[in-house]
């Protein structure tokens, strides 16, 4: 081996960006939504509530509320006797969940190491931050799921299954614009936020292609909504996209830290507690730091084999979080300002849009299965000439079309003409189609 090869054998390229994808962060849309609502001017949580909750470790937090009263009536005549109508008050408990993690650092381990102390510290923080904030985001989604409305107003032309609004693929470009009237029918007319997955992002991007100066202005479908995207919503196999729509001012997030962190304590044994703004999150957490001395020789094999008595630094982080949703004592009677929407995948295919004939009984179709009359003058802006017309059909008026083909009575340029229908099965069609009988 040459001298140059020997000298360069142990060289390493120092580039801190090469491994950045190993600890990259993601979008936490549900957490972002709760945080933005907590800090917004119309937040339902007052500064006093947030302050007292932050220092509430060791005590229960309950918020006074008043139940819905559906027994009141309005009379149609005057009387000298005015009846009682007392309210029923309750204490709504705030439910906390603790999140805690930590790691250690051995400073002397980096004396002869091309990975320096700060980079190792940052990478450990990043990997724990992603795991921590992922879990918080999932819990925020769970809070929305638990509080989604059970009482709907006018669903327009959409359907409801198990308290979820069902949207056909063909309706995907309409649902965002229809949300406001649907919420208004439930007596909610404020600003709407959307917490959705990447399928929602795809829909919005397609709508953005139809701006103010394009063929059709689709901006009103989405422009008055505030979007928060997350990858932590579990996409059900039959769905193309799913999201929660929430009226502003109806959720919030409370945090608190342990007592020693709150008073920023120190001990004679070298333990230190503090409160910091957690990176990447936008809220405060408690910290705990101390040092120990011991045998660190087994940490990194031969690289630390000589480290029989060295200092180890311990870094700990913890916080309690509670997701709070506007109180509803009668969810089966009073609508909640949270709506779960599922956009179905059936009928979706890249580069094509299926056509559904919903009034076949009005535009034709005799007693014979598979017959339908269609008047065509133009396709794609061009006049239709009398030539072969191929149509993929699997059902007409709900009845399956046999492989022998039906007959379509077509008027081409106002001239009557009968064109045979070619029925294609999935194995012969250029795009995926439903298999038909025969």
Protein backbone atom coordinates (compact mmCIF):
# COMPACT_ATOMS: atom_id res chain seq x y z
CA UNK A 1 0.00 0.00 0.00
CA UNK A 2 1.38 3.45 -0.93
CA UNK A 3 2.12 6.13 1.67
CA UNK A 4 -0.65 8.36 0.32
CA UNK A 5 -3.19 5.57 0.66
CA UNK A 6 -2.03 4.93 4.23
CA UNK A 7 -2.34 8.59 5.19
CA UNK A 8 -5.78 8.98 3.70
CA UNK A 9 -7.23 5.70 4.91
CA UNK A 10 -8.70 7.16 8.11
CA UNK A 11 -9.78 10.49 6.68
CA UNK A 12 -13.47 11.26 6.81
CA UNK A 13 -15.46 13.88 4.98
CA UNK A 14 -16.87 16.31 7.51
CA UNK A 15 -20.25 17.38 6.20
CA UNK A 16 -22.99 17.72 8.80
CA UNK A 17 -25.74 17.86 6.12
CA UNK A 18 -25.14 14.43 4.58
CA UNK A 19 -27.02 12.57 7.33
CA UNK A 20 -29.74 15.17 7.84
CA UNK A 21 -32.50 12.85 6.57
CA UNK A 22 -31.82 10.40 9.39
CA UNK A 23 -33.40 12.76 11.91
CA UNK A 24 -35.51 15.04 9.73
CA UNK A 25 -38.64 16.46 11.26
CA UNK A 26 -42.13 16.37 9.84
CA UNK A 27 -45.33 18.41 9.92
CA UNK A 28 -47.44 18.16 13.04
CA UNK A 29 -50.65 19.73 11.80
CA UNK A 30 -52.93 18.73 14.68
CA UNK A 31 -50.44 19.98 17.29
CA UNK A 32 -49.91 23.16 15.27
CA UNK A 33 -53.68 23.71 15.20
CA UNK A 34 -54.09 23.30 18.97
CA UNK A 35 -51.13 25.59 19.64
CA UNK A 36 -52.41 28.27 17.26
CA UNK A 37 -55.84 28.11 18.91
CA UNK A 38 -54.32 28.31 22.38
CA UNK A 39 -52.44 31.50 21.49
CA UNK A 40 -55.05 33.09 19.22
CA UNK A 41 -57.01 36.22 20.25
CA UNK A 42 -60.28 34.24 20.26
CA UNK A 43 -58.86 31.38 22.35
CA UNK A 44 -61.38 29.86 24.76
CA UNK A 45 -58.55 29.49 27.32
CA UNK A 46 -57.76 32.68 29.21
CA UNK A 47 -54.25 33.69 30.18
CA UNK A 48 -55.20 33.12 33.80
CA UNK A 49 -56.31 29.56 33.05
CA UNK A 50 -53.10 28.81 31.19
CA UNK A 51 -50.94 30.36 33.94
CA UNK A 52 -52.63 28.48 36.78
CA UNK A 53 -52.60 25.21 34.84
CA UNK A 54 -48.85 25.52 34.18
CA UNK A 55 -48.15 25.49 37.92
CA UNK A 56 -50.82 22.95 38.88
CA UNK A 57 -48.64 19.87 39.35
CA UNK A 58 -50.02 17.80 42.23
CA UNK A 59 -53.54 19.20 42.02
CA UNK A 60 -56.60 18.51 39.87
CA UNK A 61 -57.76 21.16 37.43
CA UNK A 62 -61.50 21.47 36.86
CA UNK A 63 -63.28 24.12 34.81
CA UNK A 64 -66.80 25.26 35.83
CA UNK A 65 -69.33 24.79 33.01
CA UNK A 66 -73.12 24.91 32.57
CA UNK A 67 -75.12 22.11 30.96
CA UNK A 68 -77.39 22.47 27.96
CA UNK A 69 -81.04 23.02 28.92
CA UNK A 70 -83.51 21.79 26.33
CA UNK A 71 -86.58 22.12 28.56
CA UNK A 72 -87.19 25.86 28.17
CA UNK A 73 -90.34 26.96 26.39
CA UNK A 74 -91.77 30.21 25.05
CA UNK A 75 -95.43 30.87 25.91
CA UNK A 76 -97.99 32.61 23.73
CA UNK A 77 -99.69 34.52 26.56
CA UNK A 78 -98.70 36.71 29.53
CA UNK A 79 -98.93 35.59 33.14
CA UNK A 80 -98.32 37.04 36.58
CA UNK A 81 -96.31 33.96 37.57
CA UNK A 82 -92.80 33.63 36.18
CA UNK A 83 -91.42 30.11 36.56
CA UNK A 84 -87.90 29.14 37.57
CA UNK A 85 -85.38 28.11 34.95
CA UNK A 86 -82.27 27.21 36.92
CA UNK A 87 -79.07 26.18 35.21
CA UNK A 88 -77.20 22.98 36.04
CA UNK A 89 -73.50 23.56 36.63
CA UNK A 90 -70.73 20.99 36.40
CA UNK A 91 -66.97 20.82 36.83
CA UNK A 92 -65.23 19.66 33.65
CA UNK A 93 -62.04 17.81 34.56
CA UNK A 94 -58.83 18.55 32.65
CA UNK A 95 -57.18 15.24 31.71
CA UNK A 96 -53.37 15.33 31.65
CA UNK A 97 -50.85 13.06 29.98
CA UNK A 98 -47.14 13.03 30.88
CA UNK A 99 -44.42 13.00 28.21
CA UNK A 100 -40.82 12.42 29.33
CA UNK A 101 -37.51 11.49 27.70
CA UNK A 102 -33.79 11.97 28.17
CA UNK A 103 -30.28 11.00 27.13
CA UNK A 104 -26.68 11.17 28.32
CA UNK A 105 -23.43 12.69 27.07
CA UNK A 106 -19.83 11.76 27.97
CA UNK A 107 -17.69 14.85 27.15
CA UNK A 108 -14.28 13.12 27.01
CA UNK A 109 -15.60 10.68 24.43
CA UNK A 110 -15.26 13.44 21.81
CA UNK A 111 -11.59 14.28 22.44
CA UNK A 112 -10.44 12.10 19.54
CA UNK A 113 -13.69 11.88 17.62
CA UNK A 114 -14.58 13.50 14.31
CA UNK A 115 -18.18 13.78 15.54
CA UNK A 116 -18.04 16.66 18.00
CA UNK A 117 -20.02 17.10 21.19
CA UNK A 118 -22.51 19.61 19.79
CA UNK A 119 -23.42 17.54 16.74
CA UNK A 120 -24.00 14.43 18.84
CA UNK A 121 -26.14 16.44 21.27
CA UNK A 122 -28.20 17.96 18.45
CA UNK A 123 -28.79 14.59 16.77
CA UNK A 124 -29.96 13.06 20.04
CA UNK A 125 -32.29 16.00 20.58
CA UNK A 126 -33.66 15.67 17.05
CA UNK A 127 -34.45 11.96 17.24
CA UNK A 128 -36.19 12.33 20.60
CA UNK A 129 -37.99 15.51 19.46
CA UNK A 130 -39.46 13.74 16.46
CA UNK A 131 -40.69 10.83 18.57
CA UNK A 132 -42.05 13.17 21.25
CA UNK A 133 -43.87 15.58 18.92
CA UNK A 134 -45.18 12.71 16.77
CA UNK A 135 -46.89 11.29 19.85
CA UNK A 136 -48.27 14.68 20.89
CA UNK A 137 -49.64 15.20 17.36
CA UNK A 138 -51.31 11.77 17.39
CA UNK A 139 -52.90 12.57 20.75
CA UNK A 140 -54.17 15.87 19.34
CA UNK A 141 -55.79 13.95 16.46
CA UNK A 142 -57.33 11.56 18.99
CA UNK A 143 -58.82 14.54 20.84
CA UNK A 144 -60.47 15.76 17.62
CA UNK A 145 -61.74 12.26 16.85
CA UNK A 146 -63.29 11.92 20.31
CA UNK A 147 -65.04 15.30 20.00
CA UNK A 148 -66.31 15.11 16.40
CA UNK A 149 -69.93 16.06 16.08
CA UNK A 150 -72.65 13.44 16.46
CA UNK A 151 -75.42 15.84 15.46
CA UNK A 152 -75.47 17.21 11.91
CA UNK A 153 -77.55 19.90 10.28
CA UNK A 154 -77.91 20.03 6.50
CA UNK A 155 -75.51 17.58 4.87
CA UNK A 156 -76.45 18.91 1.43
CA UNK A 157 -75.81 16.03 -1.02
CA UNK A 158 -73.33 14.18 1.22
CA UNK A 159 -74.04 11.20 3.45
CA UNK A 160 -73.19 10.23 7.02
CA UNK A 161 -71.67 6.99 8.31
CA UNK A 162 -70.80 6.53 11.99
CA UNK A 163 -70.59 10.32 12.56
CA UNK A 164 -68.27 10.77 9.56
CA UNK A 165 -69.29 12.76 6.49
CA UNK A 166 -68.87 10.61 3.37
CA UNK A 167 -67.78 12.33 0.16
CA UNK A 168 -67.70 10.59 -3.22
CA UNK A 169 -64.55 11.04 -5.28
CA UNK A 170 -66.54 13.02 -7.84
CA UNK A 171 -67.47 15.50 -5.08
CA UNK A 172 -63.92 16.05 -3.84
CA UNK A 173 -63.59 19.51 -5.40
CA UNK A 174 -66.86 20.71 -3.85
CA UNK A 175 -66.63 19.66 -0.21
CA UNK A 176 -64.26 22.44 0.92
CA UNK A 177 -66.60 25.09 -0.46
CA UNK A 178 -69.64 23.36 1.08
CA UNK A 179 -68.23 23.25 4.61
CA UNK A 180 -69.37 26.75 5.58
CA UNK A 181 -73.07 26.18 4.80
CA UNK A 182 -72.88 22.77 6.48
CA UNK A 183 -71.42 24.36 9.63
CA UNK A 184 -73.89 27.24 9.43
CA UNK A 185 -76.72 24.70 9.49
CA UNK A 186 -75.31 23.62 12.88
CA UNK A 187 -75.22 27.28 14.10
CA UNK A 188 -71.47 27.68 13.61
CA UNK A 189 -70.51 30.44 11.18
CA UNK A 190 -66.95 31.36 12.20
CA UNK A 191 -63.52 30.82 10.68
CA UNK A 192 -62.86 27.20 9.70
CA UNK A 193 -59.59 25.31 10.16
CA UNK A 194 -58.76 22.11 8.27
CA UNK A 195 -56.53 19.45 9.83
CA UNK A 196 -55.90 17.04 6.98
CA UNK A 197 -53.61 14.53 5.35
CA UNK A 198 -51.70 14.65 2.07
CA UNK A 199 -54.80 13.69 0.09
CA UNK A 200 -56.33 17.03 1.11
CA UNK A 201 -53.13 18.75 0.01
CA UNK A 202 -53.47 17.09 -3.41
CA UNK A 203 -57.06 18.33 -3.76
CA UNK A 204 -56.15 21.90 -2.81
CA UNK A 205 -53.24 21.95 -5.26
CA UNK A 206 -55.56 20.87 -8.08
CA UNK A 207 -58.00 23.63 -7.14
CA UNK A 208 -55.15 26.14 -7.13
CA UNK A 209 -54.64 25.41 -10.83
CA UNK A 210 -57.99 27.11 -11.42
CA UNK A 211 -57.18 30.59 -10.17
CA UNK A 212 -58.77 33.94 -10.70
CA UNK A 213 -57.60 34.28 -14.32
CA UNK A 214 -58.14 30.66 -15.38
CA UNK A 215 -61.14 28.89 -16.91
CA UNK A 216 -63.05 28.63 -13.64
CA UNK A 217 -62.12 30.44 -10.43
CA UNK A 218 -61.97 27.78 -7.71
CA UNK A 219 -60.26 29.94 -5.09
CA UNK A 220 -63.41 30.37 -3.02
CA UNK A 221 -63.43 26.63 -2.40
CA UNK A 222 -60.36 26.85 -0.19
CA UNK A 223 -59.21 30.47 0.18
CA UNK A 224 -61.20 31.16 3.36
CA UNK A 225 -59.90 28.09 5.19
CA UNK A 226 -56.74 27.72 7.31
CA UNK A 227 -54.95 24.43 6.60
CA UNK A 228 -52.81 22.32 8.94
CA UNK A 229 -51.29 19.18 7.40
CA UNK A 230 -50.13 16.08 9.24
CA UNK A 231 -48.83 12.62 8.31
CA UNK A 232 -50.12 11.10 11.54
CA UNK A 233 -53.70 10.49 10.39
CA UNK A 234 -54.15 6.79 9.60
CA UNK A 235 -55.54 6.65 6.05
CA UNK A 236 -58.27 4.03 5.79
CA UNK A 237 -57.90 1.77 2.76
CA UNK A 238 -61.13 2.95 1.11
CA UNK A 239 -60.31 6.65 1.48
CA UNK A 240 -58.51 9.01 -0.87
CA UNK A 241 -58.28 11.78 1.73
CA UNK A 242 -59.61 12.63 5.17
CA UNK A 243 -59.68 15.67 7.41
CA UNK A 244 -61.25 17.40 10.38
CA UNK A 245 -62.95 20.76 9.94
CA UNK A 246 -63.10 22.85 13.12
CA UNK A 247 -64.53 26.27 13.86
CA UNK A 248 -61.96 28.63 15.35
CA UNK A 249 -61.99 29.27 19.09
CA UNK A 250 -63.25 25.88 20.24
CA UNK A 251 -60.10 24.01 21.27
CA UNK A 252 -57.00 24.71 23.32
CA UNK A 253 -53.97 23.08 24.88
CA UNK A 254 -52.74 23.35 28.49
CA UNK A 255 -49.25 22.44 29.71
CA UNK A 256 -47.58 22.09 33.09
CA UNK A 257 -44.15 21.13 34.43
CA UNK A 258 -42.96 19.38 37.59
CA UNK A 259 -42.53 21.39 40.78
CA UNK A 260 -38.72 21.45 40.87
CA UNK A 261 -38.57 22.68 37.27
CA UNK A 262 -41.19 25.34 38.02
CA UNK A 263 -39.06 26.79 40.83
CA UNK A 264 -35.83 26.23 38.86
CA UNK A 265 -34.29 24.35 41.78
CA UNK A 266 -30.69 23.24 42.32
CA UNK A 267 -29.39 20.66 44.80
CA UNK A 268 -26.10 20.31 46.62
CA UNK A 269 -25.67 16.99 44.82
CA UNK A 270 -25.43 18.86 41.49
CA UNK A 271 -28.97 18.41 40.17
CA UNK A 272 -30.48 21.34 38.27
CA UNK A 273 -34.06 21.90 37.11
CA UNK A 274 -35.30 24.55 34.71
CA UNK A 275 -38.01 25.52 32.21
CA UNK A 276 -37.14 26.06 28.53
CA UNK A 277 -38.96 26.76 25.28
CA UNK A 278 -38.76 23.40 23.58
CA UNK A 279 -37.16 23.58 20.10
CA UNK A 280 -39.47 22.90 17.12
CA UNK A 281 -42.58 22.93 19.33
CA UNK A 282 -43.52 26.41 20.54
CA UNK A 283 -44.32 25.53 24.15
CA UNK A 284 -42.38 25.17 27.39
CA UNK A 285 -41.13 21.97 29.02
CA UNK A 286 -39.30 21.20 32.24
CA UNK A 287 -35.66 20.09 32.25
CA UNK A 288 -33.50 18.11 34.68
CA UNK A 289 -29.69 17.99 34.52
CA UNK A 290 -27.10 16.22 36.65
CA UNK A 291 -23.65 14.62 36.38
CA UNK A 292 -22.40 11.21 37.44
CA UNK A 293 -18.99 9.56 37.52
CA UNK A 294 -18.34 5.96 36.53
CA UNK A 295 -16.91 3.40 34.14
CA UNK A 296 -17.72 4.55 30.59
CA UNK A 297 -15.45 2.08 28.76
CA UNK A 298 -18.27 0.05 27.22
CA UNK A 299 -20.00 2.92 25.40
CA UNK A 300 -18.23 2.76 22.04
CA UNK A 301 -16.00 -0.30 22.03
CA UNK A 302 -12.30 0.33 21.41
CA UNK A 303 -12.90 4.10 21.09
CA UNK A 304 -13.77 4.34 24.80
CA UNK A 305 -12.00 1.24 26.18
CA UNK A 306 -9.64 3.38 28.29
CA UNK A 307 -12.45 5.41 29.92
CA UNK A 308 -12.65 3.63 33.28
CA UNK A 309 -13.61 6.66 35.37
CA UNK A 310 -15.17 9.59 33.57
CA UNK A 311 -17.96 12.14 33.86
CA UNK A 312 -21.37 11.47 32.32
CA UNK A 313 -23.91 14.25 31.81
CA UNK A 314 -27.64 13.48 32.09
CA UNK A 315 -30.28 15.55 30.25
CA UNK A 316 -33.98 15.05 30.99
CA UNK A 317 -37.12 16.70 29.55
CA UNK A 318 -40.74 16.35 30.63
CA UNK A 319 -44.13 18.06 30.37
CA UNK A 320 -47.78 17.33 31.05
CA UNK A 321 -50.22 18.21 28.24
CA UNK A 322 -54.02 18.41 28.21
CA UNK A 323 -56.07 18.91 25.05
CA UNK A 324 -59.24 20.83 25.85
CA UNK A 325 -62.32 20.94 23.60
CA UNK A 326 -65.39 23.14 24.10
CA UNK A 327 -67.81 21.53 26.56
CA UNK A 328 -70.95 19.80 25.31
CA UNK A 329 -73.29 18.14 27.82
CA UNK A 330 -75.70 16.84 25.15
CA UNK A 331 -73.65 15.74 22.10
CA UNK A 332 -76.59 13.80 20.65
CA UNK A 333 -78.68 17.00 20.65
CA UNK A 334 -76.21 19.86 20.31
CA UNK A 335 -73.76 19.83 17.40
CA UNK A 336 -70.05 20.04 18.12
CA UNK A 337 -67.91 22.47 16.06
CA UNK A 338 -65.74 19.58 14.80
CA UNK A 339 -66.61 17.61 11.67
CA UNK A 340 -64.81 14.51 10.38
CA UNK A 341 -64.84 14.18 6.57
CA UNK A 342 -63.78 11.17 4.50
CA UNK A 343 -63.29 11.41 0.73
CA UNK A 344 -63.70 7.99 -0.83
CA UNK A 345 -61.23 6.44 -3.26
CA UNK A 346 -63.75 4.55 -5.38
CA UNK A 347 -63.80 5.96 -8.92
CA UNK A 348 -60.40 7.66 -8.66
CA UNK A 349 -57.82 7.12 -11.37
CA UNK A 350 -54.97 9.25 -12.63
CA UNK A 351 -55.71 11.26 -15.74
CA UNK A 352 -59.37 10.30 -15.97
CA UNK A 353 -62.68 11.28 -14.48
CA UNK A 354 -65.52 8.77 -14.45
CA UNK A 355 -68.96 9.82 -15.73
CA UNK A 356 -72.02 8.82 -13.76
CA UNK A 357 -75.48 8.99 -15.38
CA UNK A 358 -77.85 9.70 -12.50
CA UNK A 359 -81.04 10.29 -14.49
CA UNK A 360 -80.98 7.42 -16.96
CA UNK A 361 -84.72 6.98 -16.63
CA UNK A 362 -85.23 10.54 -17.92
CA UNK A 363 -82.83 10.55 -20.85
CA UNK A 364 -83.68 7.14 -22.23
CA UNK A 365 -83.52 3.45 -21.62
CA UNK A 366 -86.20 1.06 -22.70
CA UNK A 367 -87.37 -2.21 -21.25
CA UNK A 368 -84.36 -4.02 -22.67
CA UNK A 369 -81.39 -4.07 -20.33
CA UNK A 370 -78.44 -2.09 -21.61
CA UNK A 371 -80.24 0.39 -23.86
CA UNK A 372 -79.91 4.13 -23.40
CA UNK A 373 -80.48 7.13 -25.66
CA UNK A 374 -77.86 9.89 -25.68
CA UNK A 375 -77.83 13.10 -27.70
CA UNK A 376 -74.29 14.15 -28.64
CA UNK A 377 -73.34 17.23 -30.63
CA UNK A 378 -69.85 17.91 -29.37
CA UNK A 379 -67.07 16.11 -27.61
CA UNK A 380 -64.21 18.21 -26.29
CA UNK A 381 -65.50 21.22 -28.19
CA UNK A 382 -65.41 19.48 -31.58
CA UNK A 383 -68.43 18.32 -33.56
CA UNK A 384 -69.07 14.60 -33.48
CA UNK A 385 -68.83 12.92 -36.84
CA UNK A 386 -70.65 9.74 -37.74
CA UNK A 387 -67.96 7.28 -36.88
CA UNK A 388 -67.31 4.51 -34.45
CA UNK A 389 -68.00 5.49 -30.85
CA UNK A 390 -66.70 3.18 -28.13
CA UNK A 391 -68.20 3.36 -24.66
CA UNK A 392 -67.20 1.42 -21.55
CA UNK A 393 -70.33 0.53 -19.61
CA UNK A 394 -70.75 -1.78 -16.66
CA UNK A 395 -74.23 -0.77 -15.57
CA UNK A 396 -77.23 1.09 -16.97
CA UNK A 397 -80.03 1.93 -14.53
CA UNK A 398 -78.38 -0.34 -11.98
CA UNK A 399 -78.46 -3.42 -14.22
CA UNK A 400 -75.27 -5.06 -15.45
CA UNK A 401 -74.60 -4.80 -19.20
CA UNK A 402 -73.78 -8.16 -20.77
CA UNK A 403 -70.64 -8.67 -22.79
CA UNK A 404 -72.70 -8.98 -25.95
CA UNK A 405 -73.10 -5.22 -25.79
CA UNK A 406 -76.12 -2.98 -25.72
CA UNK A 407 -77.22 -0.45 -28.27
CA UNK A 408 -76.82 3.29 -27.81
CA UNK A 409 -79.21 5.45 -29.81
CA UNK A 410 -77.08 8.49 -30.57
CA UNK A 411 -77.98 11.65 -32.46
CA UNK A 412 -74.82 12.84 -34.21
CA UNK A 413 -75.12 16.36 -35.66
CA UNK A 414 -78.89 16.06 -35.28
CA UNK A 415 -78.86 12.90 -37.45
CA UNK A 416 -80.11 9.75 -35.81
CA UNK A 417 -77.58 6.97 -35.74
CA UNK A 418 -77.33 3.70 -33.87
CA UNK A 419 -73.85 2.88 -32.59
CA UNK A 420 -72.90 -0.40 -31.02
CA UNK A 421 -71.50 -0.30 -27.51
CA UNK A 422 -68.22 -2.11 -26.94
CA UNK A 423 -68.24 -3.45 -23.38
CA UNK A 424 -64.71 -3.84 -22.05
CA UNK A 425 -63.70 -5.94 -19.12
CA UNK A 426 -60.85 -5.11 -16.77
CA UNK A 427 -58.35 -7.34 -18.59
CA UNK A 428 -58.88 -5.61 -21.93
CA UNK A 429 -59.50 -2.00 -20.97
CA UNK A 430 -56.68 0.57 -21.26
CA UNK A 431 -57.57 1.84 -17.78
CA UNK A 432 -58.87 -0.05 -14.73
CA UNK A 433 -62.61 -0.77 -15.06
CA UNK A 434 -65.08 -2.88 -13.21
CA UNK A 435 -65.52 -6.42 -14.48
CA UNK A 436 -68.98 -6.94 -15.95
CA UNK A 437 -70.97 -10.11 -16.19
CA UNK A 438 -70.52 -12.25 -19.30
